[in-house]
Amino acid sequence: MKYFIVKKDTPLWLKGAILKPTDTENGYNAISDLWDANEKINNEYLTATIIESQPEWFERVYETSILGKAKFLTKEKAREFYNQTFKKENE
């Protein structure tokens, strides 16, 4: 599953919102209403084409998890996270 983070405030979501695919997977919406730009937004979404083609507004993030605690990190930070997490003890 692909996730994105909102890099700047938008009319739909505030900066920092994590976006997940909609049920039909033709778009993305926020994982929670915590980041809705206003209370009138009710499960609004943007199409996948818009989200995936606007790197100045949306950045791909990866869900990482240790002990059931999820974090959404950029590709570089996710690699670093897993490298540190699963690093061999004798290295």
PDB file of N, CA and C in Angstrom:
ATOM      1  N   MET A   1       0.847  -1.174   0.000  1.00  0.00           N
ATOM      2  CA  MET A   1       0.000   0.000   0.000  1.00  0.00           C
ATOM      3  C   MET A   1       0.898   1.245   0.000  1.00  0.00           C
ATOM      4  N   LYS A   2       0.596   2.201  -0.862  1.00  0.00           N
ATOM      5  CA  LYS A   2       1.354   3.447  -0.936  1.00  0.00           C
ATOM      6  C   LYS A   2       0.738   4.478  -0.001  1.00  0.00           C
ATOM      7  N   TYR A   3       1.618   5.226   0.668  1.00  0.00           N
ATOM      8  CA  TYR A   3       1.195   6.336   1.513  1.00  0.00           C
ATOM      9  C   TYR A   3       1.949   7.578   1.073  1.00  0.00           C
ATOM     10  N   PHE A   4       1.346   8.746   1.312  1.00  0.00           N
ATOM     11  CA  PHE A   4       1.980  10.019   1.016  1.00  0.00           C
ATOM     12  C   PHE A   4       1.801  10.948   2.210  1.00  0.00           C
ATOM     13  N   ILE A   5       2.756  11.882   2.370  1.00  0.00           N
ATOM     14  CA  ILE A   5       2.625  12.921   3.383  1.00  0.00           C
ATOM     15  C   ILE A   5       2.395  14.243   2.662  1.00  0.00           C
ATOM     16  N   VAL A   6       1.558  15.091   3.243  1.00  0.00           N
ATOM     17  CA  VAL A   6       1.272  16.410   2.692  1.00  0.00           C
ATOM     18  C   VAL A   6       2.390  17.343   3.139  1.00  0.00           C
ATOM     19  N   LYS A   7       3.100  17.942   2.180  1.00  0.00           N
ATOM     20  CA  LYS A   7       4.262  18.775   2.470  1.00  0.00           C
ATOM     21  C   LYS A   7       3.908  20.235   2.752  1.00  0.00           C
ATOM     22  N   LYS A   8       2.750  20.697   2.245  1.00  0.00           N
ATOM     23  CA  LYS A   8       2.283  22.072   2.452  1.00  0.00           C
ATOM     24  C   LYS A   8       0.779  22.009   2.689  1.00  0.00           C
ATOM     25  N   ASP A   9       0.243  22.977   3.417  1.00  0.00           N
ATOM     26  CA  ASP A   9      -1.204  23.043   3.593  1.00  0.00           C
ATOM     27  C   ASP A   9      -1.898  23.081   2.236  1.00  0.00           C
ATOM     28  N   THR A  10      -2.989  22.351   2.118  1.00  0.00           N
ATOM     29  CA  THR A  10      -3.806  22.333   0.900  1.00  0.00           C
ATOM     30  C   THR A  10      -5.229  22.710   1.294  1.00  0.00           C
ATOM     31  N   PRO A  11      -6.112  22.934   0.321  1.00  0.00           N
ATOM     32  CA  PRO A  11      -7.513  23.200   0.669  1.00  0.00           C
ATOM     33  C   PRO A  11      -8.189  22.024   1.385  1.00  0.00           C
ATOM     34  N   LEU A  12      -7.665  20.811   1.208  1.00  0.00           N
ATOM     35  CA  LEU A  12      -8.270  19.644   1.860  1.00  0.00           C
ATOM     36  C   LEU A  12      -7.590  19.259   3.163  1.00  0.00           C
ATOM     37  N   TRP A  13      -6.245  19.294   3.194  1.00  0.00           N
ATOM     38  CA  TRP A  13      -5.509  18.785   4.351  1.00  0.00           C
ATOM     39  C   TRP A  13      -4.403  19.730   4.767  1.00  0.00           C
ATOM     40  N   LEU A  14      -4.062  19.663   6.043  1.00  0.00           N
ATOM     41  CA  LEU A  14      -2.971  20.449   6.587  1.00  0.00           C
ATOM     42  C   LEU A  14      -1.640  19.724   6.403  1.00  0.00           C
ATOM     43  N   LYS A  15      -0.572  20.482   6.439  1.00  0.00           N
ATOM     44  CA  LYS A  15       0.777  19.924   6.331  1.00  0.00           C
ATOM     45  C   LYS A  15       0.954  18.820   7.378  1.00  0.00           C
ATOM     46  N   GLY A  16       1.553  17.705   6.952  1.00  0.00           N
ATOM     47  CA  GLY A  16       1.799  16.595   7.862  1.00  0.00           C
ATOM     48  C   GLY A  16       0.782  15.482   7.773  1.00  0.00           C
ATOM     49  N   ALA A  17      -0.324  15.712   7.067  1.00  0.00           N
ATOM     50  CA  ALA A  17      -1.345  14.665   6.925  1.00  0.00           C
ATOM     51  C   ALA A  17      -0.753  13.466   6.196  1.00  0.00           C
ATOM     52  N   ILE A  18      -1.096  12.279   6.657  1.00  0.00           N
ATOM     53  CA  ILE A  18      -0.710  11.056   5.974  1.00  0.00           C
ATOM     54  C   ILE A  18      -1.906  10.622   5.127  1.00  0.00           C
ATOM     55  N   LEU A  19      -1.650  10.396   3.847  1.00  0.00           N
ATOM     56  CA  LEU A  19      -2.708  10.000   2.915  1.00  0.00           C
ATOM     57  C   LEU A  19      -2.577   8.522   2.590  1.00  0.00           C
ATOM     58  N   LYS A  20      -3.708   7.852   2.525  1.00  0.00           N
ATOM     59  CA  LYS A  20      -3.767   6.428   2.193  1.00  0.00           C
ATOM     60  C   LYS A  20      -4.681   6.248   0.992  1.00  0.00           C
ATOM     61  N   PRO A  21      -4.558   5.125   0.299  1.00  0.00           N
ATOM     62  CA  PRO A  21      -5.459   4.886  -0.832  1.00  0.00           C
ATOM     63  C   PRO A  21      -6.911   4.800  -0.373  1.00  0.00           C
ATOM     64  N   THR A  22      -7.808   5.288  -1.217  1.00  0.00           N
ATOM     65  CA  THR A  22      -9.232   5.150  -0.924  1.00  0.00           C
ATOM     66  C   THR A  22      -9.630   3.683  -1.081  1.00  0.00           C
ATOM     67  N   ASP A  23     -10.832   3.348  -0.659  1.00  0.00           N
ATOM     68  CA  ASP A  23     -11.305   1.957  -0.757  1.00  0.00           C
ATOM     69  C   ASP A  23     -11.257   1.429  -2.186  1.00  0.00           C
ATOM     70  N   THR A  24     -11.525   2.299  -3.148  1.00  0.00           N
ATOM     71  CA  THR A  24     -11.500   1.874  -4.550  1.00  0.00           C
ATOM     72  C   THR A  24     -10.106   2.011  -5.161  1.00  0.00           C
ATOM     73  N   GLU A  25      -9.174   2.589  -4.391  1.00  0.00           N
ATOM     74  CA  GLU A  25      -7.785   2.788  -4.800  1.00  0.00           C
ATOM     75  C   GLU A  25      -7.616   3.659  -6.038  1.00  0.00           C
ATOM     76  N   ASN A  26      -8.596   4.505  -6.321  1.00  0.00           N
ATOM     77  CA  ASN A  26      -8.451   5.448  -7.432  1.00  0.00           C
ATOM     78  C   ASN A  26      -8.018   6.827  -6.944  1.00  0.00           C
ATOM     79  N   GLY A  27      -7.793   6.943  -5.657  1.00  0.00           N
ATOM     80  CA  GLY A  27      -7.375   8.210  -5.080  1.00  0.00           C
ATOM     81  C   GLY A  27      -6.825   8.017  -3.687  1.00  0.00           C
ATOM     82  N   TYR A  28      -6.570   9.148  -3.008  1.00  0.00           N
ATOM     83  CA  TYR A  28      -6.024   9.133  -1.657  1.00  0.00           C
ATOM     84  C   TYR A  28      -6.841  10.056  -0.774  1.00  0.00           C
ATOM     85  N   ASN A  29      -6.988   9.652   0.492  1.00  0.00           N
ATOM     86  CA  ASN A  29      -7.565  10.533   1.500  1.00  0.00           C
ATOM     87  C   ASN A  29      -6.774  10.371   2.792  1.00  0.00           C
ATOM     88  N   ALA A  30      -7.020  11.248   3.751  1.00  0.00           N
ATOM     89  CA  ALA A  30      -6.253  11.242   4.997  1.00  0.00           C
ATOM     90  C   ALA A  30      -6.612  10.030   5.849  1.00  0.00           C
ATOM     91  N   ILE A  31      -5.614   9.528   6.604  1.00  0.00           N
ATOM     92  CA  ILE A  31      -5.865   8.377   7.472  1.00  0.00           C
ATOM     93  C   ILE A  31      -6.725   8.769   8.674  1.00  0.00           C
ATOM     94  N   SER A  32      -6.846  10.070   8.929  1.00  0.00           N
ATOM     95  CA  SER A  32      -7.644  10.559  10.044  1.00  0.00           C
ATOM     96  C   SER A  32      -8.144  11.956   9.712  1.00  0.00           C
ATOM     97  N   ASP A  33      -9.253  12.354  10.339  1.00  0.00           N
ATOM     98  CA  ASP A  33      -9.760  13.704  10.122  1.00  0.00           C
ATOM     99  C   ASP A  33      -8.982  14.756  10.923  1.00  0.00           C
ATOM    100  N   LEU A  34      -7.964  14.340  11.654  1.00  0.00           N
ATOM    101  CA  LEU A  34      -7.138  15.292  12.406  1.00  0.00           C
ATOM    102  C   LEU A  34      -6.518  16.362  11.514  1.00  0.00           C
ATOM    103  N   TRP A  35      -6.240  16.015  10.278  1.00  0.00           N
ATOM    104  CA  TRP A  35      -5.561  16.938   9.362  1.00  0.00           C
ATOM    105  C   TRP A  35      -6.497  17.581   8.344  1.00  0.00           C
ATOM    106  N   ASP A  36      -7.793  17.396   8.484  1.00  0.00           N
ATOM    107  CA  ASP A  36      -8.720  18.056   7.567  1.00  0.00           C
ATOM    108  C   ASP A  36      -8.576  19.570   7.696  1.00  0.00           C
ATOM    109  N   ALA A  37      -8.560  20.260   6.575  1.00  0.00           N
ATOM    110  CA  ALA A  37      -8.372  21.712   6.581  1.00  0.00           C
ATOM    111  C   ALA A  37      -9.560  22.448   7.198  1.00  0.00           C
ATOM    112  N   ASN A  38     -10.734  21.859   7.146  1.00  0.00           N
ATOM    113  CA  ASN A  38     -11.892  22.432   7.834  1.00  0.00           C
ATOM    114  C   ASN A  38     -12.905  21.329   8.126  1.00  0.00           C
ATOM    115  N   GLU A  39     -13.879  21.639   8.964  1.00  0.00           N
ATOM    116  CA  GLU A  39     -14.827  20.610   9.416  1.00  0.00           C
ATOM    117  C   GLU A  39     -15.814  20.161   8.338  1.00  0.00           C
ATOM    118  N   LYS A  40     -15.889  20.866   7.226  1.00  0.00           N
ATOM    119  CA  LYS A  40     -16.801  20.484   6.149  1.00  0.00           C
ATOM    120  C   LYS A  40     -16.246  19.358   5.283  1.00  0.00           C
ATOM    121  N   ILE A  41     -14.970  19.066   5.431  1.00  0.00           N
ATOM    122  CA  ILE A  41     -14.363  17.983   4.659  1.00  0.00           C
ATOM    123  C   ILE A  41     -14.806  16.671   5.272  1.00  0.00           C
ATOM    124  N   ASN A  42     -15.411  15.843   4.457  1.00  0.00           N
ATOM    125  CA  ASN A  42     -15.909  14.569   4.943  1.00  0.00           C
ATOM    126  C   ASN A  42     -15.444  13.464   4.003  1.00  0.00           C
ATOM    127  N   ASN A  43     -14.288  12.904   4.310  1.00  0.00           N
ATOM    128  CA  ASN A  43     -13.762  11.799   3.528  1.00  0.00           C
ATOM    129  C   ASN A  43     -13.482  12.185   2.071  1.00  0.00           C
ATOM    130  N   GLU A  44     -13.107  13.440   1.848  1.00  0.00           N
ATOM    131  CA  GLU A  44     -12.757  13.896   0.504  1.00  0.00           C
ATOM    132  C   GLU A  44     -11.460  13.234   0.061  1.00  0.00           C
ATOM    133  N   TYR A  45     -11.260  13.137  -1.235  1.00  0.00           N
ATOM    134  CA  TYR A  45     -10.030  12.538  -1.745  1.00  0.00           C
ATOM    135  C   TYR A  45      -9.590  13.243  -3.011  1.00  0.00           C
ATOM    136  N   LEU A  46      -8.314  13.063  -3.344  1.00  0.00           N
ATOM    137  CA  LEU A  46      -7.771  13.495  -4.625  1.00  0.00           C
ATOM    138  C   LEU A  46      -7.378  12.255  -5.402  1.00  0.00           C
ATOM    139  N   THR A  47      -7.441  12.342  -6.716  1.00  0.00           N
ATOM    140  CA  THR A  47      -7.104  11.176  -7.534  1.00  0.00           C
ATOM    141  C   THR A  47      -5.626  10.830  -7.379  1.00  0.00           C
ATOM    142  N   ALA A  48      -5.334   9.570  -7.602  1.00  0.00           N
ATOM    143  CA  ALA A  48      -3.955   9.087  -7.503  1.00  0.00           C
ATOM    144  C   ALA A  48      -3.045   9.830  -8.465  1.00  0.00           C
ATOM    145  N   THR A  49      -3.539  10.157  -9.644  1.00  0.00           N
ATOM    146  CA  THR A  49      -2.735  10.872 -10.639  1.00  0.00           C
ATOM    147  C   THR A  49      -2.263  12.215 -10.093  1.00  0.00           C
ATOM    148  N   ILE A  50      -3.138  12.933  -9.420  1.00  0.00           N
ATOM    149  CA  ILE A  50      -2.770  14.242  -8.861  1.00  0.00           C
ATOM    150  C   ILE A  50      -1.744  14.065  -7.742  1.00  0.00           C
ATOM    151  N   ILE A  51      -2.023  13.199  -6.796  1.00  0.00           N
ATOM    152  CA  ILE A  51      -1.126  13.001  -5.654  1.00  0.00           C
ATOM    153  C   ILE A  51       0.251  12.530  -6.110  1.00  0.00           C
ATOM    154  N   GLU A  52       0.292  11.548  -6.981  1.00  0.00           N
ATOM    155  CA  GLU A  52       1.561  10.935  -7.380  1.00  0.00           C
ATOM    156  C   GLU A  52       2.378  11.795  -8.338  1.00  0.00           C
ATOM    157  N   SER A  53       1.767  12.827  -8.913  1.00  0.00           N
ATOM    158  CA  SER A  53       2.502  13.660  -9.880  1.00  0.00           C
ATOM    159  C   SER A  53       2.810  15.061  -9.353  1.00  0.00           C
ATOM    160  N   GLN A  54       2.631  15.297  -8.068  1.00  0.00           N
ATOM    161  CA  GLN A  54       2.870  16.624  -7.491  1.00  0.00           C
ATOM    162  C   GLN A  54       3.873  16.557  -6.342  1.00  0.00           C
ATOM    163  N   PRO A  55       5.172  16.304  -6.643  1.00  0.00           N
ATOM    164  CA  PRO A  55       6.153  16.122  -5.567  1.00  0.00           C
ATOM    165  C   PRO A  55       6.386  17.360  -4.707  1.00  0.00           C
ATOM    166  N   GLU A  56       6.025  18.525  -5.203  1.00  0.00           N
ATOM    167  CA  GLU A  56       6.186  19.718  -4.366  1.00  0.00           C
ATOM    168  C   GLU A  56       5.125  19.788  -3.266  1.00  0.00           C
ATOM    169  N   TRP A  57       4.035  19.037  -3.414  1.00  0.00           N
ATOM    170  CA  TRP A  57       2.940  19.020  -2.429  1.00  0.00           C
ATOM    171  C   TRP A  57       2.863  17.720  -1.633  1.00  0.00           C
ATOM    172  N   PHE A  58       3.224  16.600  -2.270  1.00  0.00           N
ATOM    173  CA  PHE A  58       3.041  15.288  -1.650  1.00  0.00           C
ATOM    174  C   PHE A  58       4.307  14.449  -1.821  1.00  0.00           C
ATOM    175  N   GLU A  59       4.718  13.790  -0.748  1.00  0.00           N
ATOM    176  CA  GLU A  59       5.913  12.947  -0.806  1.00  0.00           C
ATOM    177  C   GLU A  59       5.554  11.530  -0.358  1.00  0.00           C
ATOM    178  N   ARG A  60       6.061  10.558  -1.095  1.00  0.00           N
ATOM    179  CA  ARG A  60       5.822   9.155  -0.759  1.00  0.00           C
ATOM    180  C   ARG A  60       6.489   8.836   0.570  1.00  0.00           C
ATOM    181  N   VAL A  61       5.762   8.164   1.441  1.00  0.00           N
ATOM    182  CA  VAL A  61       6.310   7.690   2.705  1.00  0.00           C
ATOM    183  C   VAL A  61       6.002   6.206   2.850  1.00  0.00           C
ATOM    184  N   TYR A  62       6.753   5.569   3.730  1.00  0.00           N
ATOM    185  CA  TYR A  62       6.641   4.130   3.927  1.00  0.00           C
ATOM    186  C   TYR A  62       6.261   3.856   5.373  1.00  0.00           C
ATOM    187  N   GLU A  63       5.333   2.944   5.549  1.00  0.00           N
ATOM    188  CA  GLU A  63       4.926   2.572   6.898  1.00  0.00           C
ATOM    189  C   GLU A  63       5.974   1.636   7.485  1.00  0.00           C
ATOM    190  N   THR A  64       6.511   2.021   8.622  1.00  0.00           N
ATOM    191  CA  THR A  64       7.460   1.182   9.336  1.00  0.00           C
ATOM    192  C   THR A  64       6.836   0.862  10.683  1.00  0.00           C
ATOM    193  N   SER A  65       7.201  -0.253  11.245  1.00  0.00           N
ATOM    194  CA  SER A  65       6.582  -0.647  12.503  1.00  0.00           C
ATOM    195  C   SER A  65       7.536  -1.485  13.330  1.00  0.00           C
ATOM    196  N   ILE A  66       7.603  -1.157  14.587  1.00  0.00           N
ATOM    197  CA  ILE A  66       8.343  -1.948  15.566  1.00  0.00           C
ATOM    198  C   ILE A  66       7.470  -2.021  16.806  1.00  0.00           C
ATOM    199  N   LEU A  67       7.287  -3.205  17.305  1.00  0.00           N
ATOM    200  CA  LEU A  67       6.465  -3.423  18.499  1.00  0.00           C
ATOM    201  C   LEU A  67       5.078  -2.817  18.361  1.00  0.00           C
ATOM    202  N   GLY A  68       4.520  -2.905  17.164  1.00  0.00           N
ATOM    203  CA  GLY A  68       3.165  -2.436  16.921  1.00  0.00           C
ATOM    204  C   GLY A  68       3.000  -0.936  16.816  1.00  0.00           C
ATOM    205  N   LYS A  69       4.084  -0.188  16.850  1.00  0.00           N
ATOM    206  CA  LYS A  69       4.023   1.269  16.750  1.00  0.00           C
ATOM    207  C   LYS A  69       4.397   1.676  15.335  1.00  0.00           C
ATOM    208  N   ALA A  70       3.459   2.236  14.603  1.00  0.00           N
ATOM    209  CA  ALA A  70       3.687   2.591  13.197  1.00  0.00           C
ATOM    210  C   ALA A  70       4.269   3.995  13.079  1.00  0.00           C
ATOM    211  N   LYS A  71       5.189   4.138  12.119  1.00  0.00           N
ATOM    212  CA  LYS A  71       5.744   5.440  11.742  1.00  0.00           C
ATOM    213  C   LYS A  71       5.719   5.501  10.228  1.00  0.00           C
ATOM    214  N   PHE A  72       5.519   6.686   9.688  1.00  0.00           N
ATOM    215  CA  PHE A  72       5.550   6.890   8.246  1.00  0.00           C
ATOM    216  C   PHE A  72       6.782   7.721   7.927  1.00  0.00           C
ATOM    217  N   LEU A  73       7.717   7.124   7.191  1.00  0.00           N
ATOM    218  CA  LEU A  73       9.008   7.757   6.924  1.00  0.00           C
ATOM    219  C   LEU A  73       9.281   7.832   5.425  1.00  0.00           C
ATOM    220  N   THR A  74      10.087   8.833   5.043  1.00  0.00           N
ATOM    221  CA  THR A  74      10.521   8.913   3.649  1.00  0.00           C
ATOM    222  C   THR A  74      11.367   7.685   3.338  1.00  0.00           C
ATOM    223  N   LYS A  75      11.617   7.453   2.064  1.00  0.00           N
ATOM    224  CA  LYS A  75      12.358   6.266   1.641  1.00  0.00           C
ATOM    225  C   LYS A  75      13.723   6.174   2.329  1.00  0.00           C
ATOM    226  N   GLU A  76      14.466   7.278   2.337  1.00  0.00           N
ATOM    227  CA  GLU A  76      15.796   7.274   2.934  1.00  0.00           C
ATOM    228  C   GLU A  76      15.735   6.993   4.429  1.00  0.00           C
ATOM    229  N   LYS A  77      14.788   7.637   5.104  1.00  0.00           N
ATOM    230  CA  LYS A  77      14.661   7.441   6.551  1.00  0.00           C
ATOM    231  C   LYS A  77      14.150   6.039   6.876  1.00  0.00           C
ATOM    232  N   ALA A  78      13.294   5.490   6.040  1.00  0.00           N
ATOM    233  CA  ALA A  78      12.810   4.122   6.260  1.00  0.00           C
ATOM    234  C   ALA A  78      13.949   3.122   6.105  1.00  0.00           C
ATOM    235  N   ARG A  79      14.796   3.322   5.100  1.00  0.00           N
ATOM    236  CA  ARG A  79      15.957   2.447   4.929  1.00  0.00           C
ATOM    237  C   ARG A  79      16.870   2.518   6.143  1.00  0.00           C
ATOM    238  N   GLU A  80      17.137   3.734   6.604  1.00  0.00           N
ATOM    239  CA  GLU A  80      17.984   3.934   7.779  1.00  0.00           C
ATOM    240  C   GLU A  80      17.362   3.269   9.015  1.00  0.00           C
ATOM    241  N   PHE A  81      16.056   3.441   9.178  1.00  0.00           N
ATOM    242  CA  PHE A  81      15.332   2.835  10.300  1.00  0.00           C
ATOM    243  C   PHE A  81      15.512   1.323  10.304  1.00  0.00           C
ATOM    244  N   TYR A  82      15.275   0.688   9.159  1.00  0.00           N
ATOM    245  CA  TYR A  82      15.389  -0.766   9.087  1.00  0.00           C
ATOM    246  C   TYR A  82      16.841  -1.231   9.195  1.00  0.00           C
ATOM    247  N   ASN A  83      17.773  -0.468   8.648  1.00  0.00           N
ATOM    248  CA  ASN A  83      19.180  -0.830   8.793  1.00  0.00           C
ATOM    249  C   ASN A  83      19.595  -0.829  10.262  1.00  0.00           C
ATOM    250  N   GLN A  84      19.167   0.170  10.993  1.00  0.00           N
ATOM    251  CA  GLN A  84      19.493   0.250  12.421  1.00  0.00           C
ATOM    252  C   GLN A  84      18.742  -0.813  13.224  1.00  0.00           C
ATOM    253  N   THR A  85      17.502  -1.049  12.877  1.00  0.00           N
ATOM    254  CA  THR A  85      16.678  -1.997  13.611  1.00  0.00           C
ATOM    255  C   THR A  85      17.178  -3.425  13.468  1.00  0.00           C
ATOM    256  N   PHE A  86      17.587  -3.782  12.257  1.00  0.00           N
ATOM    257  CA  PHE A  86      17.962  -5.164  11.995  1.00  0.00           C
ATOM    258  C   PHE A  86      19.471  -5.332  11.814  1.00  0.00           C
ATOM    259  N   LYS A  87      20.237  -4.383  12.288  1.00  0.00           N
ATOM    260  CA  LYS A  87      21.692  -4.455  12.184  1.00  0.00           C
ATOM    261  C   LYS A  87      22.197  -5.635  13.011  1.00  0.00           C
ATOM    262  N   LYS A  88      23.134  -6.348  12.455  1.00  0.00           N
ATOM    263  CA  LYS A  88      23.705  -7.484  13.174  1.00  0.00           C
ATOM    264  C   LYS A  88      24.434  -6.994  14.419  1.00  0.00           C
ATOM    265  N   GLU A  89      24.294  -7.720  15.482  1.00  0.00           N
ATOM    266  CA  GLU A  89      24.898  -7.319  16.743  1.00  0.00           C
ATOM    267  C   GLU A  89      26.413  -7.256  16.689  1.00  0.00           C
ATOM    268  N   ASN A  90      27.059  -8.044  15.839  1.00  0.00           N
ATOM    269  CA  ASN A  90      28.522  -8.046  15.798  1.00  0.00           C
ATOM    270  C   ASN A  90      29.101  -7.014  14.837  1.00  0.00           C
ATOM    271  N   GLU A  91      28.276  -6.184  14.242  1.00  0.00           N
ATOM    272  CA  GLU A  91      28.796  -5.144  13.334  1.00  0.00           C
ATOM    273  C   GLU A  91      29.167  -3.899  14.090  1.00  0.00           C
TER     274      GLU A  91
END
